[in-house]
Amino acid sequence: MRETGRYAGSVALASLVVLCIVVGAVGFVALLAEFEQSWTAYHIMERTVEQSTPVAVALAAVALATSFAAVYRAG
C-alpha cells in the first residue's frame, strides 16, 4: 500500500469515528429530552440537531472521499 493510501485510510477511519461520536451524542441528547418531556428539553434537542447536521454531513463527505482515495491509492 502506498503512503498516500495509508494516510487516506487513516483520515477516513478517523472521520468515521468522529461521525459516530457526533451521531451518538445527538441521540443521547434526544433520549434525555424524551425522558424529561418538557418544551425546554425538546428545544435543546432541536438546537443540537440543527447545530450538528452540517458537521455530520461534512464528516460523512470527508469519510466518503478519503475512503475512495484510499481504495484508489491502494491498488
C-alpha atoms as a PDB file:
ATOM      1  CA  MET A   1       0.000   0.000   0.000  1.00  0.00           C
ATOM      2  CA  ARG A   2       1.284   3.435  -0.867  1.00  0.00           C
ATOM      3  CA  GLU A   3       1.819   6.022   1.835  1.00  0.00           C
ATOM      4  CA  THR A   4      -0.905   8.315   0.497  1.00  0.00           C
ATOM      5  CA  GLY A   5      -3.354   5.427   0.558  1.00  0.00           C
ATOM      6  CA  ARG A   6      -2.445   4.694   4.146  1.00  0.00           C
ATOM      7  CA  TYR A   7      -2.940   8.336   5.131  1.00  0.00           C
ATOM      8  CA  ALA A   8      -6.257   8.498   3.300  1.00  0.00           C
ATOM      9  CA  GLY A   9      -7.382   5.347   5.084  1.00  0.00           C
ATOM     10  CA  SER A  10      -6.406   6.814   8.440  1.00  0.00           C
ATOM     11  CA  VAL A  11      -8.304  10.021   7.736  1.00  0.00           C
ATOM     12  CA  ALA A  12     -11.325   8.014   6.584  1.00  0.00           C
ATOM     13  CA  LEU A  13     -11.297   5.935   9.749  1.00  0.00           C
ATOM     14  CA  ALA A  14     -10.853   8.982  11.987  1.00  0.00           C
ATOM     15  CA  SER A  15     -13.698  10.850  10.309  1.00  0.00           C
ATOM     16  CA  LEU A  16     -15.981   7.820  10.636  1.00  0.00           C
ATOM     17  CA  VAL A  17     -15.181   7.514  14.333  1.00  0.00           C
ATOM     18  CA  VAL A  18     -15.875  11.209  14.931  1.00  0.00           C
ATOM     19  CA  LEU A  19     -19.088  10.917  12.882  1.00  0.00           C
ATOM     20  CA  CYS A  20     -20.245   8.039  15.092  1.00  0.00           C
ATOM     21  CA  ILE A  21     -19.459  10.080  18.203  1.00  0.00           C
ATOM     22  CA  VAL A  22     -21.432  13.077  16.885  1.00  0.00           C
ATOM     23  CA  VAL A  23     -24.439  10.941  15.960  1.00  0.00           C
ATOM     24  CA  GLY A  24     -24.285   9.155  19.318  1.00  0.00           C
ATOM     25  CA  ALA A  25     -24.137  12.443  21.204  1.00  0.00           C
ATOM     26  CA  VAL A  26     -27.166  13.780  19.327  1.00  0.00           C
ATOM     27  CA  GLY A  27     -29.013  10.556  20.061  1.00  0.00           C
ATOM     28  CA  PHE A  28     -28.135  10.859  23.732  1.00  0.00           C
ATOM     29  CA  VAL A  29     -29.485  14.418  23.853  1.00  0.00           C
ATOM     30  CA  ALA A  30     -32.685  13.232  22.150  1.00  0.00           C
ATOM     31  CA  LEU A  31     -33.005  10.393  24.657  1.00  0.00           C
ATOM     32  CA  LEU A  32     -32.639  12.795  27.572  1.00  0.00           C
ATOM     33  CA  ALA A  33     -35.242  15.111  26.027  1.00  0.00           C
ATOM     34  CA  GLU A  34     -37.683  12.217  25.732  1.00  0.00           C
ATOM     35  CA  PHE A  35     -37.131  11.273  29.360  1.00  0.00           C
ATOM     36  CA  GLU A  36     -37.700  14.837  30.557  1.00  0.00           C
ATOM     37  CA  GLN A  37     -40.625  15.576  28.198  1.00  0.00           C
ATOM     38  CA  SER A  38     -40.549  19.346  28.543  1.00  0.00           C
ATOM     39  CA  TRP A  39     -40.587  22.032  25.891  1.00  0.00           C
ATOM     40  CA  THR A  40     -37.200  23.276  27.046  1.00  0.00           C
ATOM     41  CA  ALA A  41     -35.655  19.849  26.597  1.00  0.00           C
ATOM     42  CA  TYR A  42     -37.218  19.480  23.150  1.00  0.00           C
ATOM     43  CA  HIS A  43     -35.931  22.921  22.195  1.00  0.00           C
ATOM     44  CA  ILE A  44     -32.418  21.946  23.284  1.00  0.00           C
ATOM     45  CA  MET A  45     -32.752  18.753  21.257  1.00  0.00           C
ATOM     46  CA  GLU A  46     -33.804  20.707  18.161  1.00  0.00           C
ATOM     47  CA  ARG A  47     -30.915  23.133  18.584  1.00  0.00           C
ATOM     48  CA  THR A  48     -28.493  20.232  18.975  1.00  0.00           C
ATOM     49  CA  VAL A  49     -29.732  18.591  15.791  1.00  0.00           C
ATOM     50  CA  GLU A  50     -29.607  21.931  13.970  1.00  0.00           C
ATOM     51  CA  GLN A  51     -26.017  22.592  15.013  1.00  0.00           C
ATOM     52  CA  SER A  52     -24.725  19.073  14.421  1.00  0.00           C
ATOM     53  CA  THR A  53     -26.250  18.405  10.995  1.00  0.00           C
ATOM     54  CA  PRO A  54     -23.670  20.412   8.984  1.00  0.00           C
ATOM     55  CA  VAL A  55     -20.875  18.798  10.983  1.00  0.00           C
ATOM     56  CA  ALA A  56     -22.240  15.316  10.328  1.00  0.00           C
ATOM     57  CA  VAL A  57     -22.672  15.994   6.613  1.00  0.00           C
ATOM     58  CA  ALA A  58     -19.117  17.325   6.340  1.00  0.00           C
ATOM     59  CA  LEU A  59     -17.704  14.342   8.216  1.00  0.00           C
ATOM     60  CA  ALA A  60     -19.648  11.934   6.012  1.00  0.00           C
ATOM     61  CA  ALA A  61     -18.346  13.671   2.881  1.00  0.00           C
ATOM     62  CA  VAL A  62     -14.762  13.531   4.141  1.00  0.00           C
ATOM     63  CA  ALA A  63     -15.145   9.865   5.062  1.00  0.00           C
ATOM     64  CA  LEU A  64     -16.567   9.017   1.645  1.00  0.00           C
ATOM     65  CA  ALA A  65     -13.941  10.953  -0.306  1.00  0.00           C
ATOM     66  CA  THR A  66     -10.994   9.631   1.681  1.00  0.00           C
ATOM     67  CA  SER A  67     -12.344   6.079   1.523  1.00  0.00           C
ATOM     68  CA  PHE A  68     -12.434   6.281  -2.261  1.00  0.00           C
ATOM     69  CA  ALA A  69      -8.950   7.804  -2.244  1.00  0.00           C
ATOM     70  CA  ALA A  70      -7.623   5.015  -0.028  1.00  0.00           C
ATOM     71  CA  VAL A  71      -9.055   2.334  -2.300  1.00  0.00           C
ATOM     72  CA  TYR A  72      -7.753   4.088  -5.414  1.00  0.00           C
ATOM     73  CA  ARG A  73      -4.269   4.557  -3.957  1.00  0.00           C
ATOM     74  CA  ALA A  74      -4.075   1.031  -2.551  1.00  0.00           C
ATOM     75  CA  GLY A  75      -4.022  -0.612  -5.958  1.00  0.00           C
END
